[in-house]
Amino acid sequence: MSIVAVLLLIVLSSPLSSSGASTAYEALAGYHFPEGILPKGVTGYELDESNGKFRAYLNGSCSFSLEGSYKLSYKSTISGHISENRLTDLSGVSVKVLFFWVNILEVVRNGDELDFSVGVASASFPLDNFFVSPQCGCGLDCDDFRIRKLKLENPSLSSST
């Protein structure tokens, strides 16, 4: 057996694959999730297509606030199971509710909404809130994001120089 055949056999039998997607954000899209459920800066991911088990990696932990009332925290490794319109057994993502941090355990896409479950409670948000990935530290309130959004809403402010 040639070395090329051996290498091809190893690659094809590997349980971890990238589902043809080059980034974790593209892999999410393959399961009908918007990229904005992950923050910017995912450095890599693993996906076992046979059972949906996945891991996404960040350079470190990440936290930010959204809409002034939600504080989210991501560990350096996020894991769980993914299937069409459903993320389950999540680990590494939490939200601050009042004074307590609770783990987000499940995310389900229900039409044009995402339902986030922390076990005993859940909340739904419009899908279009997640079309842009938040940035660690500043979320969606970063200067570069505000400038892009302003230009999209008011094309006359776009620079033509």
N, C-alpha and C. Protein backbone atom coordinates (compact mmCIF):
# COMPACT_ATOMS: atom_id res chain seq x y z
N MET A 1 0.85 -1.17 0.00
CA MET A 1 0.00 0.00 0.00
C MET A 1 0.90 1.23 0.00
N SER A 2 0.60 2.19 -0.85
CA SER A 2 1.44 3.39 -0.95
C SER A 2 1.20 4.31 0.24
N ILE A 3 2.14 5.20 0.49
CA ILE A 3 2.02 6.17 1.57
C ILE A 3 0.82 7.09 1.34
N VAL A 4 0.52 7.43 0.08
CA VAL A 4 -0.63 8.27 -0.23
C VAL A 4 -1.93 7.56 0.16
N ALA A 5 -2.01 6.27 -0.15
CA ALA A 5 -3.21 5.50 0.20
C ALA A 5 -3.38 5.42 1.71
N VAL A 6 -2.28 5.24 2.45
CA VAL A 6 -2.35 5.19 3.92
C VAL A 6 -2.83 6.52 4.48
N LEU A 7 -2.25 7.62 3.98
CA LEU A 7 -2.67 8.94 4.45
C LEU A 7 -4.14 9.20 4.14
N LEU A 8 -4.58 8.84 2.94
CA LEU A 8 -5.97 9.01 2.56
C LEU A 8 -6.89 8.19 3.47
N LEU A 9 -6.49 6.97 3.79
CA LEU A 9 -7.27 6.12 4.69
C LEU A 9 -7.37 6.74 6.08
N ILE A 10 -6.28 7.30 6.59
CA ILE A 10 -6.29 7.94 7.91
C ILE A 10 -7.22 9.14 7.91
N VAL A 11 -7.13 9.98 6.89
CA VAL A 11 -7.98 11.17 6.82
C VAL A 11 -9.45 10.79 6.72
N LEU A 12 -9.77 9.81 5.88
CA LEU A 12 -11.17 9.42 5.70
C LEU A 12 -11.75 8.72 6.91
N SER A 13 -10.92 8.05 7.71
CA SER A 13 -11.44 7.34 8.87
C SER A 13 -11.43 8.19 10.13
N SER A 14 -10.88 9.39 10.06
CA SER A 14 -10.85 10.27 11.22
C SER A 14 -12.26 10.68 11.61
N PRO A 15 -12.63 10.56 12.90
CA PRO A 15 -13.99 10.93 13.31
C PRO A 15 -14.22 12.42 13.31
N LEU A 16 -13.16 13.23 13.35
CA LEU A 16 -13.33 14.67 13.38
C LEU A 16 -13.15 15.22 11.98
N SER A 17 -14.12 15.96 11.53
CA SER A 17 -14.03 16.57 10.22
C SER A 17 -14.60 17.97 10.31
N SER A 18 -14.43 18.73 9.27
CA SER A 18 -14.94 20.09 9.30
C SER A 18 -16.16 20.27 8.41
N SER A 19 -16.81 19.22 8.07
CA SER A 19 -18.05 19.24 7.29
C SER A 19 -17.94 20.08 6.03
N GLY A 20 -16.74 20.15 5.47
CA GLY A 20 -16.55 20.94 4.27
C GLY A 20 -16.47 22.43 4.55
N ALA A 21 -16.67 22.83 5.78
CA ALA A 21 -16.61 24.24 6.16
C ALA A 21 -15.21 24.56 6.65
N SER A 22 -14.72 25.72 6.29
CA SER A 22 -13.37 26.07 6.71
C SER A 22 -13.35 26.78 8.06
N THR A 23 -14.48 27.28 8.53
CA THR A 23 -14.53 27.95 9.83
C THR A 23 -15.70 27.43 10.65
N ALA A 24 -15.63 27.68 11.93
CA ALA A 24 -16.73 27.30 12.82
C ALA A 24 -18.01 28.04 12.44
N TYR A 25 -17.86 29.27 11.97
CA TYR A 25 -19.03 30.07 11.59
C TYR A 25 -19.72 29.46 10.37
N GLU A 26 -18.94 28.96 9.42
CA GLU A 26 -19.52 28.29 8.26
C GLU A 26 -20.18 26.97 8.66
N ALA A 27 -19.58 26.27 9.62
CA ALA A 27 -20.18 25.02 10.11
C ALA A 27 -21.53 25.31 10.76
N LEU A 28 -21.62 26.39 11.55
CA LEU A 28 -22.90 26.77 12.16
C LEU A 28 -23.95 27.01 11.08
N ALA A 29 -23.57 27.71 10.03
CA ALA A 29 -24.51 28.01 8.94
C ALA A 29 -25.04 26.72 8.31
N GLY A 30 -24.22 25.68 8.26
CA GLY A 30 -24.65 24.40 7.71
C GLY A 30 -25.75 23.75 8.52
N TYR A 31 -25.91 24.18 9.77
CA TYR A 31 -26.96 23.66 10.65
C TYR A 31 -28.04 24.71 10.90
N HIS A 32 -28.05 25.78 10.10
CA HIS A 32 -29.06 26.85 10.12
C HIS A 32 -28.94 27.78 11.33
N PHE A 33 -27.72 27.99 11.80
CA PHE A 33 -27.48 28.95 12.88
C PHE A 33 -26.69 30.13 12.34
N PRO A 34 -26.99 31.34 12.84
CA PRO A 34 -26.21 32.51 12.42
C PRO A 34 -24.85 32.53 13.12
N GLU A 35 -23.87 33.14 12.48
CA GLU A 35 -22.52 33.15 13.05
C GLU A 35 -22.44 33.93 14.36
N GLY A 36 -23.35 34.84 14.60
CA GLY A 36 -23.30 35.70 15.78
C GLY A 36 -23.56 35.00 17.10
N ILE A 37 -23.84 33.71 17.11
CA ILE A 37 -23.96 33.03 18.40
C ILE A 37 -22.58 32.69 18.96
N LEU A 38 -21.55 32.86 18.13
CA LEU A 38 -20.17 32.74 18.59
C LEU A 38 -19.51 34.11 18.49
N PRO A 39 -18.66 34.44 19.44
CA PRO A 39 -17.95 35.72 19.33
C PRO A 39 -16.88 35.66 18.24
N LYS A 40 -16.41 36.83 17.83
CA LYS A 40 -15.28 36.89 16.89
C LYS A 40 -14.08 36.25 17.55
N GLY A 41 -13.21 35.66 16.75
CA GLY A 41 -11.96 35.15 17.28
C GLY A 41 -11.90 33.66 17.52
N VAL A 42 -12.85 32.90 16.98
CA VAL A 42 -12.75 31.45 17.11
C VAL A 42 -11.52 31.01 16.30
N THR A 43 -10.60 30.32 16.96
CA THR A 43 -9.34 29.95 16.32
C THR A 43 -9.39 28.59 15.65
N GLY A 44 -10.37 27.78 15.98
CA GLY A 44 -10.50 26.47 15.37
C GLY A 44 -11.72 25.75 15.92
N TYR A 45 -12.04 24.64 15.28
CA TYR A 45 -13.16 23.84 15.76
C TYR A 45 -13.00 22.41 15.29
N GLU A 46 -13.71 21.53 15.96
CA GLU A 46 -13.77 20.11 15.60
C GLU A 46 -15.23 19.72 15.55
N LEU A 47 -15.58 18.89 14.60
CA LEU A 47 -16.95 18.42 14.47
C LEU A 47 -16.94 16.97 14.05
N ASP A 48 -17.58 16.13 14.85
CA ASP A 48 -17.76 14.73 14.50
C ASP A 48 -19.15 14.62 13.88
N GLU A 49 -19.20 14.53 12.58
CA GLU A 49 -20.48 14.51 11.89
C GLU A 49 -21.32 13.26 12.20
N SER A 50 -20.69 12.19 12.67
CA SER A 50 -21.45 10.97 12.94
C SER A 50 -22.37 11.13 14.15
N ASN A 51 -22.00 11.99 15.10
CA ASN A 51 -22.86 12.16 16.28
C ASN A 51 -23.12 13.63 16.62
N GLY A 52 -22.55 14.56 15.86
CA GLY A 52 -22.78 15.98 16.09
C GLY A 52 -21.96 16.61 17.20
N LYS A 53 -21.06 15.84 17.78
CA LYS A 53 -20.25 16.38 18.87
C LYS A 53 -19.28 17.42 18.29
N PHE A 54 -19.20 18.58 18.96
CA PHE A 54 -18.32 19.63 18.45
C PHE A 54 -17.55 20.31 19.59
N ARG A 55 -16.48 20.97 19.20
CA ARG A 55 -15.70 21.85 20.08
C ARG A 55 -15.29 23.05 19.24
N ALA A 56 -15.38 24.23 19.84
CA ALA A 56 -14.88 25.45 19.22
C ALA A 56 -13.90 26.07 20.19
N TYR A 57 -12.83 26.64 19.65
CA TYR A 57 -11.74 27.14 20.49
C TYR A 57 -11.54 28.64 20.30
N LEU A 58 -11.38 29.33 21.43
CA LEU A 58 -11.03 30.75 21.45
C LEU A 58 -9.62 30.88 22.02
N ASN A 59 -8.98 32.02 21.82
CA ASN A 59 -7.63 32.24 22.37
C ASN A 59 -7.62 32.34 23.88
N GLY A 60 -8.75 32.51 24.48
CA GLY A 60 -8.88 32.61 25.93
C GLY A 60 -10.34 32.82 26.26
N SER A 61 -10.62 33.07 27.51
CA SER A 61 -12.01 33.32 27.87
C SER A 61 -12.43 34.67 27.30
N CYS A 62 -13.72 34.87 27.19
CA CYS A 62 -14.26 36.04 26.51
C CYS A 62 -15.55 36.45 27.19
N SER A 63 -15.71 37.74 27.45
CA SER A 63 -16.98 38.20 28.00
C SER A 63 -17.31 39.58 27.44
N PHE A 64 -18.59 39.89 27.45
CA PHE A 64 -19.07 41.17 26.93
C PHE A 64 -20.54 41.33 27.32
N SER A 65 -21.04 42.54 27.19
CA SER A 65 -22.45 42.84 27.46
C SER A 65 -23.18 43.06 26.14
N LEU A 66 -24.43 42.69 26.13
CA LEU A 66 -25.29 42.93 24.98
C LEU A 66 -26.52 43.70 25.43
N GLU A 67 -26.90 44.68 24.64
CA GLU A 67 -28.09 45.49 24.91
C GLU A 67 -28.11 46.04 26.32
N GLY A 68 -26.95 46.19 26.92
CA GLY A 68 -26.85 46.79 28.24
C GLY A 68 -27.38 45.96 29.39
N SER A 69 -28.07 44.86 29.10
CA SER A 69 -28.67 44.10 30.19
C SER A 69 -28.19 42.66 30.30
N TYR A 70 -27.59 42.13 29.24
CA TYR A 70 -27.12 40.75 29.27
C TYR A 70 -25.61 40.72 29.24
N LYS A 71 -25.01 40.01 30.17
CA LYS A 71 -23.57 39.82 30.16
C LYS A 71 -23.32 38.35 29.83
N LEU A 72 -22.53 38.11 28.78
CA LEU A 72 -22.24 36.75 28.35
C LEU A 72 -20.78 36.44 28.61
N SER A 73 -20.49 35.18 28.87
CA SER A 73 -19.13 34.73 29.09
C SER A 73 -18.91 33.42 28.35
N TYR A 74 -17.79 33.34 27.65
CA TYR A 74 -17.39 32.14 26.91
C TYR A 74 -16.06 31.67 27.47
N LYS A 75 -15.96 30.39 27.75
CA LYS A 75 -14.67 29.82 28.13
C LYS A 75 -13.83 29.64 26.87
N SER A 76 -12.57 29.28 27.03
CA SER A 76 -11.70 29.13 25.86
C SER A 76 -12.11 27.94 24.99
N THR A 77 -12.84 26.97 25.56
CA THR A 77 -13.37 25.84 24.78
C THR A 77 -14.87 25.77 24.99
N ILE A 78 -15.60 25.74 23.89
CA ILE A 78 -17.05 25.62 23.91
C ILE A 78 -17.36 24.27 23.28
N SER A 79 -18.21 23.50 23.92
CA SER A 79 -18.51 22.17 23.37
C SER A 79 -19.98 21.85 23.51
N GLY A 80 -20.39 20.80 22.81
CA GLY A 80 -21.77 20.35 22.86
C GLY A 80 -22.07 19.45 21.68
N HIS A 81 -23.35 19.34 21.36
CA HIS A 81 -23.80 18.56 20.22
C HIS A 81 -24.62 19.47 19.31
N ILE A 82 -24.42 19.32 18.02
CA ILE A 82 -25.15 20.14 17.06
C ILE A 82 -25.91 19.24 16.09
N SER A 83 -27.12 19.65 15.80
CA SER A 83 -27.92 19.02 14.76
C SER A 83 -28.72 20.14 14.11
N GLU A 84 -29.46 19.84 13.09
CA GLU A 84 -30.18 20.89 12.40
C GLU A 84 -31.08 21.66 13.37
N ASN A 85 -30.86 22.97 13.46
CA ASN A 85 -31.64 23.89 14.30
C ASN A 85 -31.55 23.63 15.80
N ARG A 86 -30.53 22.88 16.26
CA ARG A 86 -30.46 22.55 17.69
C ARG A 86 -29.02 22.37 18.16
N LEU A 87 -28.69 23.10 19.23
CA LEU A 87 -27.42 22.92 19.96
C LEU A 87 -27.79 22.41 21.34
N THR A 88 -27.24 21.29 21.75
CA THR A 88 -27.58 20.71 23.05
C THR A 88 -26.30 20.37 23.83
N ASP A 89 -26.48 20.06 25.10
CA ASP A 89 -25.36 19.68 25.98
C ASP A 89 -24.23 20.71 25.93
N LEU A 90 -24.61 21.98 25.83
CA LEU A 90 -23.60 23.03 25.73
C LEU A 90 -22.78 23.14 27.00
N SER A 91 -21.53 23.46 26.82
CA SER A 91 -20.61 23.69 27.92
C SER A 91 -19.69 24.83 27.49
N GLY A 92 -19.44 25.76 28.40
CA GLY A 92 -18.51 26.84 28.12
C GLY A 92 -19.15 28.17 27.80
N VAL A 93 -20.49 28.26 27.88
CA VAL A 93 -21.19 29.51 27.62
C VAL A 93 -22.12 29.79 28.79
N SER A 94 -22.02 31.00 29.35
CA SER A 94 -22.90 31.35 30.46
C SER A 94 -23.40 32.79 30.32
N VAL A 95 -24.49 33.06 31.00
CA VAL A 95 -25.11 34.38 30.99
C VAL A 95 -25.36 34.81 32.44
N LYS A 96 -25.19 36.09 32.69
CA LYS A 96 -25.43 36.60 34.04
C LYS A 96 -26.90 37.00 34.15
N VAL A 97 -27.59 36.38 35.10
CA VAL A 97 -28.99 36.68 35.36
C VAL A 97 -29.06 37.24 36.78
N LEU A 98 -29.45 38.49 36.88
CA LEU A 98 -29.41 39.24 38.15
C LEU A 98 -27.99 39.22 38.70
N PHE A 99 -27.75 38.46 39.77
CA PHE A 99 -26.42 38.42 40.38
C PHE A 99 -25.71 37.09 40.17
N PHE A 100 -26.33 36.19 39.40
CA PHE A 100 -25.81 34.84 39.26
C PHE A 100 -25.43 34.53 37.81
N TRP A 101 -24.38 33.75 37.65
CA TRP A 101 -24.01 33.24 36.34
C TRP A 101 -24.65 31.87 36.17
N VAL A 102 -25.34 31.66 35.05
CA VAL A 102 -25.95 30.37 34.75
C VAL A 102 -25.48 29.91 33.38
N ASN A 103 -25.33 28.62 33.24
CA ASN A 103 -24.87 28.03 31.97
C ASN A 103 -26.01 27.96 30.97
N ILE A 104 -25.71 28.36 29.75
CA ILE A 104 -26.65 28.15 28.65
C ILE A 104 -26.46 26.70 28.21
N LEU A 105 -27.51 25.91 28.30
CA LEU A 105 -27.42 24.48 28.04
C LEU A 105 -27.89 24.08 26.65
N GLU A 106 -28.77 24.91 26.06
CA GLU A 106 -29.36 24.54 24.79
C GLU A 106 -29.76 25.78 24.01
N VAL A 107 -29.60 25.73 22.69
CA VAL A 107 -30.08 26.78 21.80
C VAL A 107 -30.85 26.09 20.68
N VAL A 108 -32.08 26.54 20.46
CA VAL A 108 -32.93 25.94 19.44
C VAL A 108 -33.40 27.05 18.50
N ARG A 109 -33.24 26.80 17.21
CA ARG A 109 -33.78 27.75 16.24
C ARG A 109 -35.22 27.35 15.97
N ASN A 110 -36.11 28.31 16.18
CA ASN A 110 -37.53 28.09 15.98
C ASN A 110 -38.00 29.16 15.00
N GLY A 111 -37.95 28.85 13.71
CA GLY A 111 -38.30 29.84 12.70
C GLY A 111 -37.30 30.98 12.69
N ASP A 112 -37.79 32.19 12.92
CA ASP A 112 -36.93 33.37 12.93
C ASP A 112 -36.55 33.79 14.34
N GLU A 113 -36.55 32.84 15.27
CA GLU A 113 -36.14 33.11 16.65
C GLU A 113 -35.18 32.05 17.13
N LEU A 114 -34.34 32.44 18.09
CA LEU A 114 -33.46 31.50 18.78
C LEU A 114 -33.93 31.43 20.22
N ASP A 115 -34.15 30.22 20.70
CA ASP A 115 -34.55 29.98 22.09
C ASP A 115 -33.33 29.51 22.86
N PHE A 116 -32.97 30.24 23.91
CA PHE A 116 -31.83 29.90 24.76
C PHE A 116 -32.36 29.35 26.07
N SER A 117 -31.87 28.17 26.46
CA SER A 117 -32.34 27.52 27.68
C SER A 117 -31.20 27.41 28.68
N VAL A 118 -31.50 27.74 29.94
CA VAL A 118 -30.55 27.55 31.03
C VAL A 118 -31.02 26.43 31.96
N GLY A 119 -31.91 25.61 31.46
CA GLY A 119 -32.43 24.49 32.23
C GLY A 119 -33.83 24.77 32.71
N VAL A 120 -33.97 25.55 33.76
CA VAL A 120 -35.29 25.83 34.33
C VAL A 120 -36.00 26.99 33.66
N ALA A 121 -35.28 27.76 32.87
CA ALA A 121 -35.87 28.92 32.21
C ALA A 121 -35.29 29.04 30.80
N SER A 122 -36.03 29.76 29.96
CA SER A 122 -35.54 30.00 28.60
C SER A 122 -35.99 31.39 28.16
N ALA A 123 -35.34 31.89 27.14
CA ALA A 123 -35.69 33.18 26.57
C ALA A 123 -35.52 33.10 25.06
N SER A 124 -36.38 33.80 24.34
CA SER A 124 -36.33 33.82 22.88
C SER A 124 -35.90 35.19 22.39
N PHE A 125 -35.11 35.19 21.30
CA PHE A 125 -34.63 36.43 20.71
C PHE A 125 -34.73 36.32 19.20
N PRO A 126 -34.98 37.44 18.52
CA PRO A 126 -35.05 37.42 17.05
C PRO A 126 -33.73 36.97 16.43
N LEU A 127 -33.82 36.18 15.40
CA LEU A 127 -32.66 35.65 14.70
C LEU A 127 -31.74 36.76 14.20
N ASP A 128 -32.33 37.85 13.74
CA ASP A 128 -31.50 38.92 13.16
C ASP A 128 -30.63 39.62 14.19
N ASN A 129 -30.82 39.35 15.48
CA ASN A 129 -29.91 39.88 16.51
C ASN A 129 -28.56 39.18 16.47
N PHE A 130 -28.44 38.09 15.71
CA PHE A 130 -27.24 37.26 15.73
C PHE A 130 -26.55 37.15 14.38
N PHE A 131 -26.82 38.08 13.48
CA PHE A 131 -26.18 38.04 12.18
C PHE A 131 -24.73 38.50 12.23
N VAL A 132 -24.36 39.26 13.26
CA VAL A 132 -22.99 39.76 13.43
C VAL A 132 -22.42 39.17 14.70
N SER A 133 -21.20 38.69 14.64
CA SER A 133 -20.54 38.14 15.83
C SER A 133 -20.07 39.26 16.74
N PRO A 134 -20.39 39.17 18.03
CA PRO A 134 -19.89 40.17 18.98
C PRO A 134 -18.39 40.02 19.19
N GLN A 135 -17.78 41.06 19.66
CA GLN A 135 -16.34 41.05 19.91
C GLN A 135 -16.08 40.97 21.40
N CYS A 136 -15.12 40.15 21.79
CA CYS A 136 -14.77 40.02 23.20
C CYS A 136 -14.44 41.40 23.76
N GLY A 137 -14.94 41.65 24.97
CA GLY A 137 -14.67 42.91 25.64
C GLY A 137 -15.74 43.96 25.40
N CYS A 138 -16.14 44.16 24.13
CA CYS A 138 -17.08 45.25 23.85
C CYS A 138 -18.38 44.79 23.19
N GLY A 139 -18.51 43.53 22.89
CA GLY A 139 -19.75 43.02 22.30
C GLY A 139 -20.04 43.62 20.95
N LEU A 140 -21.19 44.27 20.81
CA LEU A 140 -21.57 44.94 19.57
C LEU A 140 -21.40 46.45 19.68
N ASP A 141 -20.84 46.92 20.80
CA ASP A 141 -20.65 48.34 21.03
C ASP A 141 -19.24 48.79 20.71
N CYS A 142 -18.54 48.04 19.90
CA CYS A 142 -17.18 48.40 19.50
C CYS A 142 -17.25 49.53 18.48
N ASP A 143 -16.25 50.38 18.49
CA ASP A 143 -16.24 51.51 17.56
C ASP A 143 -16.36 51.08 16.11
N ASP A 144 -15.62 50.04 15.70
CA ASP A 144 -15.66 49.63 14.30
C ASP A 144 -17.03 49.09 13.91
N PHE A 145 -17.73 48.42 14.84
CA PHE A 145 -19.06 47.91 14.54
C PHE A 145 -20.05 49.06 14.41
N ARG A 146 -19.98 50.04 15.31
CA ARG A 146 -20.89 51.18 15.25
C ARG A 146 -20.70 51.95 13.95
N ILE A 147 -19.47 52.10 13.50
CA ILE A 147 -19.19 52.82 12.25
C ILE A 147 -19.78 52.07 11.08
N ARG A 148 -19.58 50.73 11.03
CA ARG A 148 -20.15 49.92 9.94
C ARG A 148 -21.67 50.00 9.94
N LYS A 149 -22.29 49.91 11.11
CA LYS A 149 -23.73 49.95 11.20
C LYS A 149 -24.25 51.32 10.75
N LEU A 150 -23.59 52.38 11.17
CA LEU A 150 -23.99 53.72 10.78
C LEU A 150 -23.90 53.88 9.27
N LYS A 151 -22.86 53.36 8.64
CA LYS A 151 -22.71 53.46 7.20
C LYS A 151 -23.79 52.66 6.48
N LEU A 152 -24.17 51.51 7.02
CA LEU A 152 -25.22 50.71 6.39
C LEU A 152 -26.57 51.41 6.47
N GLU A 153 -26.82 52.08 7.61
CA GLU A 153 -28.10 52.75 7.80
C GLU A 153 -28.17 54.07 7.06
N ASN A 154 -27.02 54.71 6.81
CA ASN A 154 -26.98 56.01 6.16
C ASN A 154 -25.87 56.00 5.12
N PRO A 155 -26.16 55.52 3.89
CA PRO A 155 -25.13 55.38 2.87
C PRO A 155 -24.40 56.68 2.54
N SER A 156 -25.00 57.82 2.81
CA SER A 156 -24.33 59.08 2.50
C SER A 156 -23.10 59.29 3.37
N LEU A 157 -22.98 58.53 4.47
CA LEU A 157 -21.81 58.64 5.34
C LEU A 157 -20.67 57.74 4.91
N SER A 158 -20.89 56.89 3.92
CA SER A 158 -19.84 55.99 3.45
C SER A 158 -18.71 56.80 2.85
N SER A 159 -17.50 56.38 3.15
CA SER A 159 -16.35 57.11 2.59
C SER A 159 -16.14 56.70 1.16
N SER A 160 -15.89 57.66 0.31
CA SER A 160 -15.62 57.36 -1.09
C SER A 160 -14.19 57.76 -1.45
N THR A 161 -13.38 58.01 -0.46
CA THR A 161 -11.99 58.39 -0.72
C THR A 161 -11.07 57.23 -0.58
